[in-house]
Amino acid sequence: MNAFAKLLCATLLVASNLAWADLSRDDAAAVAQRAGGGRVLSVEKSESSGRPVWRVKVVTPAGEVHVIQVDVATGQVR
């Protein structure tokens, strides 16, 4: 295998691992803060529909508390 092929394989392997990496607590808080437009109160790992999620409590500037679920695998708000 030549050097280019080895480099390509290594790059694809690293990229695939990053794509499947679990979202960190801090990243989930940042996602929820952007989605909820407020200050993060707490972050805890939970499960929803059989999938792991981060449950992030956010308080808005108006004082309303919202719970935002962020998918651990994808980072998408549910």
Protein backbone atom coordinates (compact mmCIF):
# COMPACT_ATOMS: atom_id res chain seq x y z
CA MET A 1 0.00 0.00 0.00
CA ASN A 2 1.46 3.37 -0.95
CA ALA A 3 1.78 6.35 1.38
CA PHE A 4 -1.23 8.17 -0.08
CA ALA A 5 -3.52 5.18 0.44
CA LYS A 6 -2.31 4.80 4.04
CA LEU A 7 -2.91 8.50 4.70
CA LEU A 8 -6.38 8.29 3.17
CA CYS A 9 -7.28 5.25 5.29
CA ALA A 10 -6.02 6.93 8.45
CA THR A 11 -7.99 10.10 7.67
CA LEU A 12 -11.19 8.17 7.04
CA LEU A 13 -10.74 6.20 10.25
CA VAL A 14 -10.27 9.35 12.34
CA ALA A 15 -13.21 11.09 10.64
CA SER A 16 -15.52 8.14 11.23
CA ASN A 17 -14.57 8.01 14.92
CA LEU A 18 -15.30 11.71 15.31
CA ALA A 19 -18.67 11.34 13.64
CA TRP A 20 -19.70 8.63 16.11
CA ALA A 21 -18.20 10.24 19.22
CA ASP A 22 -20.66 10.96 22.02
CA LEU A 23 -21.55 14.58 22.63
CA SER A 24 -19.94 15.88 25.81
CA ARG A 25 -21.86 17.45 28.69
CA ASP A 26 -20.38 20.87 27.85
CA ASP A 27 -21.27 20.56 24.16
CA ALA A 28 -24.84 19.56 25.05
CA ALA A 29 -25.11 22.60 27.33
CA ALA A 30 -23.94 24.87 24.49
CA VAL A 31 -26.43 23.33 22.03
CA ALA A 32 -29.30 23.73 24.51
CA GLN A 33 -28.28 27.27 25.38
CA ARG A 34 -28.40 28.26 21.70
CA ALA A 35 -31.75 26.48 21.23
CA GLY A 36 -33.34 27.80 24.44
CA GLY A 37 -31.87 31.27 24.51
CA GLY A 38 -31.15 31.29 28.20
CA ARG A 39 -28.84 30.25 31.01
CA VAL A 40 -28.11 26.57 31.65
CA LEU A 41 -29.17 25.38 35.11
CA SER A 42 -28.29 21.68 34.92
CA VAL A 43 -27.25 18.90 32.56
CA GLU A 44 -27.87 15.20 33.18
CA LYS A 45 -27.74 12.09 31.05
CA SER A 46 -31.00 10.25 30.53
CA GLU A 47 -32.81 8.10 27.99
CA SER A 48 -35.65 8.93 25.64
CA SER A 49 -37.28 6.41 23.30
CA GLY A 50 -34.46 3.99 24.03
CA ARG A 51 -31.74 6.46 23.02
CA PRO A 52 -29.34 8.31 25.32
CA VAL A 53 -29.99 12.04 25.63
CA TRP A 54 -28.71 14.95 27.65
CA ARG A 55 -31.55 16.64 29.59
CA VAL A 56 -30.58 20.28 29.87
CA LYS A 57 -32.57 22.70 32.03
CA VAL A 58 -32.41 26.26 30.72
CA VAL A 59 -33.90 29.40 32.26
CA THR A 60 -34.92 32.12 29.82
CA PRO A 61 -34.42 35.85 30.47
CA ALA A 62 -38.17 35.96 31.25
CA GLY A 63 -37.63 33.42 34.05
CA GLU A 64 -39.23 30.42 32.32
CA VAL A 65 -37.53 27.05 32.80
CA HIS A 66 -37.37 24.72 29.80
CA VAL A 67 -36.02 21.18 29.56
CA ILE A 68 -34.23 20.60 26.27
CA GLN A 69 -33.22 17.11 25.22
CA VAL A 70 -30.06 16.81 23.15
CA ASP A 71 -29.32 13.48 21.45
CA VAL A 72 -25.98 12.15 22.73
CA ALA A 73 -25.01 10.53 19.42
CA THR A 74 -26.07 13.26 16.98
CA GLY A 75 -26.19 16.49 18.97
CA GLN A 76 -29.66 17.23 17.64
CA VAL A 77 -32.31 18.84 19.82
CA ARG A 78 -35.33 16.59 20.36
